[in-house]
C-alpha atoms as a PDB file:
ATOM      1  CA  MET A   1      -3.051  21.487   7.395  1.00  0.00           C
ATOM      2  CA  SER A   2      -2.609  18.629   4.961  1.00  0.00           C
ATOM      3  CA  LYS A   3      -3.956  15.340   6.356  1.00  0.00           C
ATOM      4  CA  ILE A   4      -0.818  13.538   5.210  1.00  0.00           C
ATOM      5  CA  VAL A   5       1.436  15.993   7.049  1.00  0.00           C
ATOM      6  CA  ARG A   6      -0.811  15.973  10.130  1.00  0.00           C
ATOM      7  CA  GLN A   7      -0.843  12.168  10.368  1.00  0.00           C
ATOM      8  CA  ARG A   8       2.895  11.742   9.845  1.00  0.00           C
ATOM      9  CA  VAL A   9       3.760  14.466  12.342  1.00  0.00           C
ATOM     10  CA  SER A  10       1.440  12.838  14.910  1.00  0.00           C
ATOM     11  CA  MET A  11       3.286   9.538  14.399  1.00  0.00           C
ATOM     12  CA  HIS A  12       6.577  11.278  15.067  1.00  0.00           C
ATOM     13  CA  ASP A  13       5.168  12.977  18.176  1.00  0.00           C
ATOM     14  CA  GLU A  14       3.901   9.635  19.511  1.00  0.00           C
ATOM     15  CA  SER A  15       7.276   8.006  18.872  1.00  0.00           C
ATOM     16  CA  THR A  16       9.077  10.830  20.680  1.00  0.00           C
ATOM     17  CA  THR A  17       6.680  10.697  23.637  1.00  0.00           C
ATOM     18  CA  MET A  18       7.070   6.934  23.960  1.00  0.00           C
ATOM     19  CA  SER A  19      10.856   7.190  23.873  1.00  0.00           C
ATOM     20  CA  PHE A  20      10.806   9.706  26.735  1.00  0.00           C
ATOM     21  CA  GLN A  21       8.654   7.395  28.827  1.00  0.00           C
ATOM     22  CA  SER A  22      10.654   4.244  28.195  1.00  0.00           C
ATOM     23  CA  LYS A  23      13.450   3.050  30.471  1.00  0.00           C
ATOM     24  CA  ASN A  24      16.061   0.337  30.457  1.00  0.00           C
ATOM     25  CA  VAL A  25      15.755  -2.638  32.752  1.00  0.00           C
ATOM     26  CA  ASN A  26      19.079  -4.110  33.845  1.00  0.00           C
ATOM     27  CA  LYS A  27      19.093  -7.824  34.578  1.00  0.00           C
ATOM     28  CA  LYS A  28      21.689  -9.440  36.786  1.00  0.00           C
ATOM     29  CA  LYS A  29      23.867 -12.012  35.103  1.00  0.00           C
ATOM     30  CA  ASN A  30      23.649 -15.580  36.303  1.00  0.00           C
ATOM     31  CA  THR A  31      27.196 -16.185  37.536  1.00  0.00           C
ATOM     32  CA  HIS A  32      26.526 -19.852  38.322  1.00  0.00           C
ATOM     33  CA  ARG A  33      25.741 -20.866  34.718  1.00  0.00           C
ATOM     34  CA  LYS A  34      28.431 -23.020  33.175  1.00  0.00           C
ATOM     35  CA  ARG A  35      30.111 -21.762  30.066  1.00  0.00           C
ATOM     36  CA  GLN A  36      29.326 -23.765  26.956  1.00  0.00           C
ATOM     37  CA  PRO A  37      31.935 -24.344  24.265  1.00  0.00           C
ATOM     38  CA  ILE A  38      31.487 -22.032  21.277  1.00  0.00           C
ATOM     39  CA  LYS A  39      30.286 -23.769  18.141  1.00  0.00           C
ATOM     40  CA  GLN A  40      31.327 -22.317  14.815  1.00  0.00           C
ATOM     41  CA  LEU A  41      29.521 -22.914  11.526  1.00  0.00           C
ATOM     42  CA  ILE A  42      31.580 -22.858   8.360  1.00  0.00           C
ATOM     43  CA  CYS A  43      29.842 -22.348   5.013  1.00  0.00           C
ATOM     44  CA  ILE A  44      31.043 -25.052   2.616  1.00  0.00           C
ATOM     45  CA  VAL A  45      28.682 -24.540  -0.310  1.00  0.00           C
ATOM     46  CA  SER A  46      26.790 -21.380  -1.276  1.00  0.00           C
ATOM     47  CA  VAL A  47      23.261 -22.447  -2.231  1.00  0.00           C
ATOM     48  CA  PRO A  48      21.637 -20.089  -4.768  1.00  0.00           C
ATOM     49  CA  LYS A  49      18.331 -18.547  -3.794  1.00  0.00           C
ATOM     50  CA  SER A  50      15.462 -20.589  -5.211  1.00  0.00           C
ATOM     51  CA  VAL A  51      12.447 -19.065  -6.902  1.00  0.00           C
ATOM     52  CA  GLY A  52       9.276 -20.207  -5.187  1.00  0.00           C
ATOM     53  CA  GLU A  53       5.916 -20.886  -6.732  1.00  0.00           C
ATOM     54  CA  TYR A  54       4.773 -17.387  -5.816  1.00  0.00           C
ATOM     55  CA  VAL A  55       7.356 -14.697  -6.471  1.00  0.00           C
ATOM     56  CA  TYR A  56       7.079 -11.182  -5.124  1.00  0.00           C
ATOM     57  CA  ILE A  57      10.218  -9.474  -6.319  1.00  0.00           C
ATOM     58  CA  LYS A  58      11.970  -7.349  -3.702  1.00  0.00           C
ATOM     59  CA  ALA A  59      14.762  -5.005  -4.746  1.00  0.00           C
ATOM     60  CA  ASP A  60      16.579  -1.897  -3.554  1.00  0.00           C
ATOM     61  CA  VAL A  61      14.106   0.070  -5.654  1.00  0.00           C
ATOM     62  CA  GLU A  62      10.380  -0.304  -5.018  1.00  0.00           C
ATOM     63  CA  LEU A  63       9.061  -2.170  -8.086  1.00  0.00           C
ATOM     64  CA  LYS A  64       5.737  -3.587  -6.806  1.00  0.00           C
ATOM     65  CA  LEU A  65       6.337  -6.500  -9.184  1.00  0.00           C
ATOM     66  CA  ALA A  66       5.157 -10.107  -8.926  1.00  0.00           C
ATOM     67  CA  LEU A  67       5.501 -13.083 -11.229  1.00  0.00           C
ATOM     68  CA  SER A  68       2.385 -14.676  -9.743  1.00  0.00           C
ATOM     69  CA  TYR A  69      -0.262 -14.044  -7.098  1.00  0.00           C
ATOM     70  CA  ILE A  70      -1.575 -15.891  -4.040  1.00  0.00           C
ATOM     71  CA  PRO A  71      -5.267 -16.865  -4.401  1.00  0.00           C
ATOM     72  CA  ASP A  72      -5.762 -16.895  -0.608  1.00  0.00           C
ATOM     73  CA  HIS A  73      -4.946 -13.174  -0.546  1.00  0.00           C
ATOM     74  CA  CYS A  74      -7.912 -12.284  -2.773  1.00  0.00           C
ATOM     75  CA  LEU A  75     -10.847 -10.296  -1.391  1.00  0.00           C
ATOM     76  CA  GLY A  76     -13.658 -11.580  -3.563  1.00  0.00           C
ATOM     77  CA  SER A  77     -12.294 -11.022  -7.062  1.00  0.00           C
ATOM     78  CA  LEU A  78      -9.857  -8.362  -5.877  1.00  0.00           C
ATOM     79  CA  LYS A  79      -6.250  -9.514  -5.880  1.00  0.00           C
ATOM     80  CA  GLU A  80      -3.610  -8.270  -3.452  1.00  0.00           C
ATOM     81  CA  THR A  81      -2.278  -4.766  -3.884  1.00  0.00           C
ATOM     82  CA  PRO A  82       1.431  -4.660  -4.791  1.00  0.00           C
ATOM     83  CA  CYS A  83       1.937  -2.379  -1.778  1.00  0.00           C
ATOM     84  CA  THR A  84       1.830  -5.410   0.541  1.00  0.00           C
ATOM     85  CA  TYR A  85       3.888  -7.781  -1.614  1.00  0.00           C
ATOM     86  CA  ASN A  86       7.037  -7.179   0.430  1.00  0.00           C
ATOM     87  CA  HIS A  87       5.538  -5.257   3.343  1.00  0.00           C
ATOM     88  CA  ARG A  88       3.284  -5.815   6.310  1.00  0.00           C
ATOM     89  CA  VAL A  89       0.754  -3.296   7.609  1.00  0.00           C
ATOM     90  CA  THR A  90       1.935  -2.305  11.072  1.00  0.00           C
ATOM     91  CA  ARG A  91      -0.463   0.512  11.795  1.00  0.00           C
ATOM     92  CA  THR A  92      -3.844   1.816  10.616  1.00  0.00           C
ATOM     93  CA  ASP A  93      -4.978   5.406  11.175  1.00  0.00           C
ATOM     94  CA  GLN A  94      -8.163   7.156  10.153  1.00  0.00           C
ATOM     95  CA  LEU A  95      -8.641  10.903   9.686  1.00  0.00           C
ATOM     96  CA  ASP A  96     -12.261  11.570   8.702  1.00  0.00           C
ATOM     97  CA  ASP A  97     -12.867   9.341   5.652  1.00  0.00           C
ATOM     98  CA  VAL A  98      -9.170   8.759   4.862  1.00  0.00           C
ATOM     99  CA  TYR A  99      -7.274   5.603   5.898  1.00  0.00           C
ATOM    100  CA  PHE A 100      -3.513   5.572   6.420  1.00  0.00           C
ATOM    101  CA  TYR A 101      -1.762   2.193   6.299  1.00  0.00           C
ATOM    102  CA  THR A 102       1.799   2.359   7.594  1.00  0.00           C
ATOM    103  CA  LEU A 103       4.021  -0.289   6.018  1.00  0.00           C
ATOM    104  CA  GLU A 104       7.070  -2.119   7.303  1.00  0.00           C
ATOM    105  CA  LEU A 105       9.457  -3.874   4.937  1.00  0.00           C
ATOM    106  CA  LEU A 106       9.614  -7.645   5.401  1.00  0.00           C
ATOM    107  CA  ASP A 107      12.966  -9.225   6.120  1.00  0.00           C
ATOM    108  CA  GLN A 108      13.456 -10.962   2.782  1.00  0.00           C
ATOM    109  CA  ASP A 109      16.386 -11.255   0.415  1.00  0.00           C
ATOM    110  CA  ASN A 110      16.745  -8.604  -2.255  1.00  0.00           C
ATOM    111  CA  TYR A 111      16.984  -9.467  -5.929  1.00  0.00           C
ATOM    112  CA  SER A 112      19.708  -7.603  -7.770  1.00  0.00           C
ATOM    113  CA  ILE A 113      18.774  -5.930 -11.024  1.00  0.00           C
ATOM    114  CA  GLU A 114      20.714  -8.647 -12.862  1.00  0.00           C
ATOM    115  CA  GLN A 115      18.685 -11.384 -11.126  1.00  0.00           C
ATOM    116  CA  ILE A 116      15.414  -9.618 -11.971  1.00  0.00           C
ATOM    117  CA  VAL A 117      16.382  -9.270 -15.640  1.00  0.00           C
ATOM    118  CA  ASN A 118      17.326 -12.955 -15.711  1.00  0.00           C
ATOM    119  CA  LEU A 119      13.976 -13.997 -14.176  1.00  0.00           C
ATOM    120  CA  LEU A 120      11.981 -11.873 -16.609  1.00  0.00           C
ATOM    121  CA  SER A 121      13.989 -12.962 -19.650  1.00  0.00           C
ATOM    122  CA  HIS A 122      13.112 -16.601 -18.940  1.00  0.00           C
ATOM    123  CA  LYS A 123       9.421 -15.907 -18.306  1.00  0.00           C
ATOM    124  CA  ASP A 124       6.996 -17.000 -21.022  1.00  0.00           C
ATOM    125  CA  ASP A 125       5.158 -13.701 -21.279  1.00  0.00           C
ATOM    126  CA  PRO A 126       4.817 -11.387 -24.316  1.00  0.00           C
ATOM    127  CA  CYS A 127       5.472  -8.354 -22.072  1.00  0.00           C
ATOM    128  CA  ALA A 128       8.685  -9.740 -20.522  1.00  0.00           C
ATOM    129  CA  GLN A 129      11.077  -7.607 -22.608  1.00  0.00           C
ATOM    130  CA  LEU A 130       9.035  -4.467 -21.952  1.00  0.00           C
ATOM    131  CA  ALA A 131       9.058  -5.301 -18.230  1.00  0.00           C
ATOM    132  CA  ILE A 132      12.879  -5.493 -18.308  1.00  0.00           C
ATOM    133  CA  GLN A 133      13.058  -1.998 -19.819  1.00  0.00           C
ATOM    134  CA  LEU A 134      10.662  -0.648 -17.181  1.00  0.00           C
ATOM    135  CA  VAL A 135      12.634  -2.226 -14.337  1.00  0.00           C
ATOM    136  CA  ASN A 136      15.755  -0.423 -15.554  1.00  0.00           C
ATOM    137  CA  GLN A 137      13.835   2.855 -15.770  1.00  0.00           C
ATOM    138  CA  ARG A 138      12.486   2.371 -12.241  1.00  0.00           C
ATOM    139  CA  PHE A 139      16.030   2.182 -10.901  1.00  0.00           C
ATOM    140  CA  ASN A 140      16.700   5.670 -12.300  1.00  0.00           C
ATOM    141  CA  ILE A 141      14.800   7.163  -9.345  1.00  0.00           C
ATOM    142  CA  LEU A 142      17.978   6.741  -7.258  1.00  0.00           C
ATOM    143  CA  ASN A 143      19.819   9.125  -9.577  1.00  0.00           C
ATOM    144  CA  GLU A 144      17.037  11.563 -10.420  1.00  0.00           C
ATOM    145  CA  TYR A 145      15.162  12.299  -7.167  1.00  0.00           C
ATOM    146  CA  THR A 146      17.441  15.216  -6.246  1.00  0.00           C
ATOM    147  CA  GLN A 147      16.673  16.949  -9.547  1.00  0.00           C
ATOM    148  CA  HIS A 148      12.965  17.455  -8.849  1.00  0.00           C
ATOM    149  CA  TYR A 149      11.130  20.411  -7.362  1.00  0.00           C
ATOM    150  CA  TYR A 150      10.083  19.798  -3.752  1.00  0.00           C
ATOM    151  CA  ILE A 151       6.510  20.860  -3.028  1.00  0.00           C
ATOM    152  CA  SER A 152       5.398  22.829   0.018  1.00  0.00           C
ATOM    153  CA  ASN A 153       2.762  21.842   2.591  1.00  0.00           C
ATOM    154  CA  ASP A 154       0.294  24.249   0.977  1.00  0.00           C
ATOM    155  CA  GLU A 155       0.791  22.660  -2.446  1.00  0.00           C
ATOM    156  CA  LEU A 156       0.201  19.202  -0.975  1.00  0.00           C
ATOM    157  CA  LEU A 157      -2.955  20.456   0.749  1.00  0.00           C
ATOM    158  CA  GLU A 158      -4.218  21.790  -2.576  1.00  0.00           C
ATOM    159  CA  VAL A 159      -3.850  18.347  -4.187  1.00  0.00           C
ATOM    160  CA  GLU A 160      -5.622  16.689  -1.247  1.00  0.00           C
ATOM    161  CA  GLN A 161      -8.539  19.105  -1.564  1.00  0.00           C
ATOM    162  CA  ILE A 162      -8.893  18.259  -5.251  1.00  0.00           C
ATOM    163  CA  ALA A 163      -8.712  14.516  -4.563  1.00  0.00           C
ATOM    164  CA  GLN A 164     -11.247  14.476  -1.713  1.00  0.00           C
ATOM    165  CA  ASP A 165     -14.185  14.785  -4.135  1.00  0.00           C
ATOM    166  CA  TYR A 166     -13.226  11.532  -5.905  1.00  0.00           C
ATOM    167  CA  PRO A 167     -12.169   7.997  -5.041  1.00  0.00           C
ATOM    168  CA  TYR A 168      -8.374   8.026  -4.754  1.00  0.00           C
ATOM    169  CA  GLN A 169      -5.364   6.050  -3.654  1.00  0.00           C
ATOM    170  CA  CYS A 170      -1.984   7.459  -2.699  1.00  0.00           C
ATOM    171  CA  ILE A 171       1.411   5.944  -1.972  1.00  0.00           C
ATOM    172  CA  ILE A 172       4.289   7.524  -0.063  1.00  0.00           C
ATOM    173  CA  GLN A 173       7.726   6.225  -0.883  1.00  0.00           C
ATOM    174  CA  LYS A 174      10.956   7.090   0.940  1.00  0.00           C
ATOM    175  CA  VAL A 175      13.845   7.782  -1.439  1.00  0.00           C
ATOM    176  CA  ASN A 176      17.582   8.169  -0.931  1.00  0.00           C
ATOM    177  CA  LYS A 177      20.714   7.526  -2.970  1.00  0.00           C
ATOM    178  CA  ASP A 178      20.850   3.843  -1.949  1.00  0.00           C
ATOM    179  CA  ASN A 179      17.234   2.658  -2.121  1.00  0.00           C
ATOM    180  CA  SER A 180      13.562   3.486  -2.261  1.00  0.00           C
ATOM    181  CA  SER A 181      10.847   1.795  -0.206  1.00  0.00           C
ATOM    182  CA  LEU A 182       7.155   2.202   0.486  1.00  0.00           C
ATOM    183  CA  SER A 183       6.247   4.005   3.685  1.00  0.00           C
ATOM    184  CA  GLN A 184       2.450   4.367   3.515  1.00  0.00           C
ATOM    185  CA  ARG A 185      -0.585   3.542   1.424  1.00  0.00           C
ATOM    186  CA  ILE A 186      -3.474   5.996   1.741  1.00  0.00           C
ATOM    187  CA  VAL A 187      -7.044   5.601   0.442  1.00  0.00           C
ATOM    188  CA  ASN A 188     -10.364   7.296   1.067  1.00  0.00           C
ATOM    189  CA  GLU A 189     -13.789   5.786   1.757  1.00  0.00           C
ATOM    190  CA  GLN A 190     -14.972   6.408  -1.807  1.00  0.00           C
ATOM    191  CA  PHE A 191     -12.109   4.286  -3.116  1.00  0.00           C
ATOM    192  CA  TYR A 192     -13.311   1.241  -1.176  1.00  0.00           C
ATOM    193  CA  THR A 193     -16.875   1.928  -2.273  1.00  0.00           C
ATOM    194  CA  LEU A 194     -15.678   1.984  -5.884  1.00  0.00           C
ATOM    195  CA  MET A 195     -14.247  -1.521  -5.409  1.00  0.00           C
ATOM    196  CA  GLY A 196     -17.464  -2.671  -3.730  1.00  0.00           C
ATOM    197  CA  VAL A 197     -15.906  -3.128  -0.288  1.00  0.00           C
ATOM    198  CA  THR A 198     -17.045  -1.874   3.129  1.00  0.00           C
ATOM    199  CA  ARG A 199     -14.872  -0.915   6.095  1.00  0.00           C
ATOM    200  CA  ASP A 200     -15.919  -4.074   7.950  1.00  0.00           C
ATOM    201  CA  MET A 201     -14.881  -6.239   5.008  1.00  0.00           C
ATOM    202  CA  MET A 202     -11.573  -4.401   4.690  1.00  0.00           C
ATOM    203  CA  PHE A 203     -10.558  -4.678   8.332  1.00  0.00           C
ATOM    204  CA  HIS A 204     -11.587  -8.340   8.524  1.00  0.00           C
ATOM    205  CA  HIS A 205      -9.618  -9.161   5.371  1.00  0.00           C
ATOM    206  CA  LEU A 206      -6.575  -7.283   6.687  1.00  0.00           C
ATOM    207  CA  HIS A 207      -6.776  -9.145   9.986  1.00  0.00           C
ATOM    208  CA  GLU A 208      -7.059 -12.539   8.255  1.00  0.00           C
ATOM    209  CA  THR A 209      -4.468 -12.145   5.481  1.00  0.00           C
ATOM    210  CA  LYS A 210      -2.294  -9.170   6.562  1.00  0.00           C
ATOM    211  CA  THR A 211      -2.753  -7.833   3.006  1.00  0.00           C
ATOM    212  CA  LEU A 212      -4.765  -5.114   1.252  1.00  0.00           C
ATOM    213  CA  PRO A 213      -6.773  -5.469  -1.989  1.00  0.00           C
ATOM    214  CA  SER A 214      -5.974  -3.896  -5.350  1.00  0.00           C
ATOM    215  CA  ILE A 215      -8.415  -2.176  -7.678  1.00  0.00           C
ATOM    216  CA  PHE A 216      -6.396  -3.485 -10.631  1.00  0.00           C
ATOM    217  CA  ASP A 217      -6.454  -7.083 -11.814  1.00  0.00           C
ATOM    218  CA  ILE A 218      -2.743  -7.768 -11.334  1.00  0.00           C
ATOM    219  CA  GLY A 219      -2.366 -11.499 -11.831  1.00  0.00           C
ATOM    220  CA  GLY A 220       0.228 -13.777 -13.348  1.00  0.00           C
ATOM    221  CA  SER A 221       0.475 -11.698 -16.527  1.00  0.00           C
ATOM    222  CA  LEU A 222       2.926  -8.796 -16.760  1.00  0.00           C
ATOM    223  CA  LYS A 223       0.662  -6.701 -19.003  1.00  0.00           C
ATOM    224  CA  MET A 224      -1.241  -4.843 -16.279  1.00  0.00           C
ATOM    225  CA  TRP A 225       1.963  -4.167 -14.334  1.00  0.00           C
ATOM    226  CA  CYS A 226       3.594  -2.798 -17.480  1.00  0.00           C
ATOM    227  CA  ASP A 227       0.582  -0.601 -18.306  1.00  0.00           C
ATOM    228  CA  LEU A 228       0.483   0.900 -14.811  1.00  0.00           C
ATOM    229  CA  THR A 229       4.259   1.325 -14.633  1.00  0.00           C
ATOM    230  CA  ILE A 230       4.383   3.096 -17.996  1.00  0.00           C
ATOM    231  CA  GLY A 231       1.764   5.558 -16.735  1.00  0.00           C
ATOM    232  CA  SER A 232       3.717   6.164 -13.539  1.00  0.00           C
ATOM    233  CA  ILE A 233       7.168   6.492 -15.133  1.00  0.00           C
ATOM    234  CA  SER A 234       5.952   8.788 -17.910  1.00  0.00           C
ATOM    235  CA  SER A 235       4.277  11.049 -15.290  1.00  0.00           C
ATOM    236  CA  VAL A 236       1.280  11.665 -17.566  1.00  0.00           C
ATOM    237  CA  GLN A 237      -1.508  13.634 -15.924  1.00  0.00           C
ATOM    238  CA  TYR A 238      -4.289  11.349 -17.215  1.00  0.00           C
ATOM    239  CA  PHE A 239      -4.487   7.756 -18.396  1.00  0.00           C
ATOM    240  CA  ASP A 240      -7.298   5.255 -18.965  1.00  0.00           C
ATOM    241  CA  GLN A 241      -7.295   1.856 -17.296  1.00  0.00           C
ATOM    242  CA  TYR A 242      -9.672  -0.979 -16.457  1.00  0.00           C
ATOM    243  CA  ILE A 243     -10.495  -1.264 -12.763  1.00  0.00           C
ATOM    244  CA  ASN A 244     -11.593  -4.447 -11.035  1.00  0.00           C
ATOM    245  CA  THR A 245     -14.411  -4.873  -8.490  1.00  0.00           C
ATOM    246  CA  TYR A 246     -15.265  -7.274  -5.670  1.00  0.00           C
ATOM    247  CA  GLU A 247     -17.872  -8.926  -7.900  1.00  0.00           C
ATOM    248  CA  GLY A 248     -15.303  -9.651 -10.628  1.00  0.00           C
ATOM    249  CA  ALA A 249     -16.565  -7.082 -13.142  1.00  0.00           C
ATOM    250  CA  GLN A 250     -14.250  -4.641 -14.903  1.00  0.00           C
ATOM    251  CA  TYR A 251     -14.955  -1.056 -15.936  1.00  0.00           C
ATOM    252  CA  LYS A 252     -12.905   1.454 -17.853  1.00  0.00           C
ATOM    253  CA  CYS A 253     -11.950   4.491 -15.811  1.00  0.00           C
ATOM    254  CA  ARG A 254     -10.009   7.701 -16.325  1.00  0.00           C
ATOM    255  CA  ILE A 255      -7.269   8.197 -13.735  1.00  0.00           C
ATOM    256  CA  GLU A 256      -5.752  11.566 -12.894  1.00  0.00           C
ATOM    257  CA  GLN A 257      -2.175  11.241 -11.673  1.00  0.00           C
ATOM    258  CA  ARG A 258      -0.385  13.697  -9.394  1.00  0.00           C
ATOM    259  CA  GLN A 259       3.283  13.015  -8.594  1.00  0.00           C
ATOM    260  CA  MET A 260       5.317  15.072  -6.132  1.00  0.00           C
ATOM    261  CA  PHE A 261       8.587  15.016  -4.256  1.00  0.00           C
ATOM    262  CA  LYS A 262       8.652  16.501  -0.771  1.00  0.00           C
ATOM    263  CA  ARG A 263      10.987  16.989   2.157  1.00  0.00           C
ATOM    264  CA  THR A 264       9.391  15.507   5.260  1.00  0.00           C
ATOM    265  CA  GLN A 265       8.110  17.764   7.994  1.00  0.00           C
ATOM    266  CA  VAL A 266      10.124  16.142  10.783  1.00  0.00           C
ATOM    267  CA  ASN A 267      13.342  15.408   8.876  1.00  0.00           C
ATOM    268  CA  PRO A 268      14.220  17.819   6.044  1.00  0.00           C
ATOM    269  CA  ASN A 269      16.979  15.455   4.903  1.00  0.00           C
ATOM    270  CA  GLN A 270      14.444  12.722   4.095  1.00  0.00           C
ATOM    271  CA  ILE A 271      12.834  12.947   0.644  1.00  0.00           C
ATOM    272  CA  VAL A 272       9.531  11.222  -0.078  1.00  0.00           C
ATOM    273  CA  PHE A 273       7.835  10.567  -3.391  1.00  0.00           C
ATOM    274  CA  ILE A 274       4.040  11.039  -3.250  1.00  0.00           C
ATOM    275  CA  GLU A 275       1.814   9.643  -5.992  1.00  0.00           C
ATOM    276  CA  PHE A 276      -1.946  10.275  -6.111  1.00  0.00           C
ATOM    277  CA  TRP A 277      -4.225   8.320  -8.457  1.00  0.00           C
ATOM    278  CA  ILE A 278      -7.638  10.004  -8.603  1.00  0.00           C
ATOM    279  CA  PHE A 279     -10.428   7.929 -10.206  1.00  0.00           C
ATOM    280  CA  GLN A 280     -12.928   9.818 -12.333  1.00  0.00           C
ATOM    281  CA  LEU A 281     -16.181   8.164 -13.416  1.00  0.00           C
ATOM    282  CA  ASP A 282     -18.987   9.337 -15.671  1.00  0.00           C
ATOM    283  CA  GLU A 283     -22.683   8.797 -15.059  1.00  0.00           C
ATOM    284  CA  PRO A 284     -24.492   6.416 -14.922  1.00  0.00           C
ATOM    285  CA  LEU A 285     -21.513   4.213 -13.972  1.00  0.00           C
ATOM    286  CA  LYS A 286     -20.617   6.441 -11.022  1.00  0.00           C
ATOM    287  CA  SER A 287     -24.078   6.132  -9.420  1.00  0.00           C
ATOM    288  CA  PHE A 288     -24.117   2.382 -10.035  1.00  0.00           C
ATOM    289  CA  LEU A 289     -20.732   1.683  -8.434  1.00  0.00           C
ATOM    290  CA  LEU A 290     -21.173   4.084  -5.505  1.00  0.00           C
ATOM    291  CA  ASN A 291     -24.614   2.680  -4.622  1.00  0.00           C
ATOM    292  CA  PRO A 292     -24.910   1.670  -0.909  1.00  0.00           C
ATOM    293  CA  GLN A 293     -27.213  -1.226  -1.830  1.00  0.00           C
ATOM    294  CA  ARG A 294     -24.373  -2.753  -3.859  1.00  0.00           C
ATOM    295  CA  LEU A 295     -22.115  -2.539  -0.809  1.00  0.00           C
ATOM    296  CA  TYR A 296     -24.729  -4.225   1.355  1.00  0.00           C
ATOM    297  CA  LEU A 297     -25.089  -7.194  -0.994  1.00  0.00           C
ATOM    298  CA  ASN A 298     -21.314  -7.601  -1.194  1.00  0.00           C
ATOM    299  CA  GLN A 299     -20.979  -7.483   2.594  1.00  0.00           C
ATOM    300  CA  ILE A 300     -23.553 -10.205   3.277  1.00  0.00           C
ATOM    301  CA  ASP A 301     -21.893 -12.274   0.555  1.00  0.00           C
ATOM    302  CA  TYR A 302     -18.456 -11.831   2.134  1.00  0.00           C
ATOM    303  CA  PHE A 303     -19.598 -12.688   5.669  1.00  0.00           C
ATOM    304  CA  ASN A 304     -21.941 -15.413   4.340  1.00  0.00           C
ATOM    305  CA  LYS A 305     -25.068 -13.966   5.979  1.00  0.00           C
ATOM    306  CA  LYS A 306     -28.711 -14.079   4.986  1.00  0.00           C
ATOM    307  CA  ASN A 307     -30.336 -11.099   3.335  1.00  0.00           C
ATOM    308  CA  THR A 308     -32.712 -10.131   6.143  1.00  0.00           C
ATOM    309  CA  GLU A 309     -34.219  -6.881   7.351  1.00  0.00           C
ATOM    310  CA  GLU A 310     -32.204  -7.164  10.551  1.00  0.00           C
ATOM    311  CA  GLU A 311     -28.935  -7.421   8.614  1.00  0.00           C
ATOM    312  CA  TYR A 312     -29.947  -4.512   6.403  1.00  0.00           C
ATOM    313  CA  GLN A 313     -30.690  -2.318   9.433  1.00  0.00           C
ATOM    314  CA  LEU A 314     -27.318  -3.188  10.982  1.00  0.00           C
ATOM    315  CA  PHE A 315     -25.624  -2.282   7.708  1.00  0.00           C
ATOM    316  CA  GLN A 316     -27.432   1.064   7.504  1.00  0.00           C
ATOM    317  CA  LYS A 317     -26.446   1.838  11.079  1.00  0.00           C
ATOM    318  CA  SER A 318     -22.786   1.079  10.355  1.00  0.00           C
ATOM    319  CA  MET A 319     -22.871   3.369   7.306  1.00  0.00           C
ATOM    320  CA  LYS A 320     -23.933   6.329   9.441  1.00  0.00           C
ATOM    321  CA  TYR A 321     -20.664   6.423  11.359  1.00  0.00           C
ATOM    322  CA  LYS A 322     -19.814   9.811   9.818  1.00  0.00           C
ATOM    323  CA  LYS A 323     -22.520  11.338  11.992  1.00  0.00           C
ATOM    324  CA  THR A 324     -21.186   9.826  15.219  1.00  0.00           C
ATOM    325  CA  LEU A 325     -19.109  11.667  17.805  1.00  0.00           C
ATOM    326  CA  HIS A 326     -16.083   9.471  17.040  1.00  0.00           C
ATOM    327  CA  TYR A 327     -15.969  10.190  13.308  1.00  0.00           C
ATOM    328  CA  ASN A 328     -13.358  12.941  13.595  1.00  0.00           C
ATOM    329  CA  ASN A 329     -11.275  10.928  16.055  1.00  0.00           C
ATOM    330  CA  SER A 330      -7.658  11.031  14.911  1.00  0.00           C
ATOM    331  CA  GLN A 331      -6.461   8.203  17.145  1.00  0.00           C
ATOM    332  CA  PRO A 332      -4.929   5.166  15.409  1.00  0.00           C
ATOM    333  CA  CYS A 333      -7.131   2.114  14.937  1.00  0.00           C
ATOM    334  CA  GLY A 334      -4.321  -0.174  15.993  1.00  0.00           C
ATOM    335  CA  TYR A 335      -0.574  -0.203  15.805  1.00  0.00           C
ATOM    336  CA  LYS A 336       2.641  -1.432  17.291  1.00  0.00           C
ATOM    337  CA  LEU A 337       5.410   0.893  18.400  1.00  0.00           C
ATOM    338  CA  LEU A 338       7.928   1.488  15.640  1.00  0.00           C
ATOM    339  CA  PRO A 339      10.973   3.710  15.370  1.00  0.00           C
ATOM    340  CA  TRP A 340      10.184   6.761  13.269  1.00  0.00           C
ATOM    341  CA  ILE A 341      10.360   5.993   9.555  1.00  0.00           C
END
């Protein structure tokens, strides 16, 4: 079975089990409490929403667009992934060497498409006009998602089997006629290795900042966002892009893109958009970036530890987790109970 299907079905099963076990607790009303007069607030002036120093644009359609970035959310030289701009990670699961981050939308005001166009038109950026065109094209997903072929579980499994031999990232996006929103971000161990990040670094960074890192250098400029969005909207199978690393270096990489629409296993009326980006590297760059020694040096730098034999042995031991009895454990790493999404 596809790992994506297996993990999402297990979430639904857990949610159902929890709901069966839960019960309502009725509290007696305090009849002795005095009634307070009801106060009513009347809105006199409507204050327009201000644009803060850091703007992550939230809309009815998932744009993953920012007009700036927060330096405190960087992991080394890796900036925040757009997947956590308007979301928080509420649950982390691991199946073998694949990590599933379940996302919950933050309670923030939406920007209308007119507000977004107005913000971009006043931004001093050579790619602003192109960004406006791409925003409009992104909104077309609300009209076009019913026109696509819906893949089967076997077809999804086939894509996963192709991707497992490479570093990859995947996003799952719920789509309906009114909106689209991110549901999960999925990456494998090789993807973090490509960035120069270990599991310990990742989980510590997530705990401290509640954000995840991006392999692309998405900063204050709109150029990278436009380049990535063009590749996604055009649905090309391959495109070349510069990837960023923990150390701050950049390397050109060929990315294979697989885009699919699927009816969910537990609710056939819910459509999800699945997008795989599979990173393909040539030698000798592949051996250099996937070198365990590089990971070790980055980890002691991140945790500010001395390069000692003891630290190196601890690192080697942590890297052998695939041989432990708990490696194939499908239990979540940590989560809070959520209604099924």
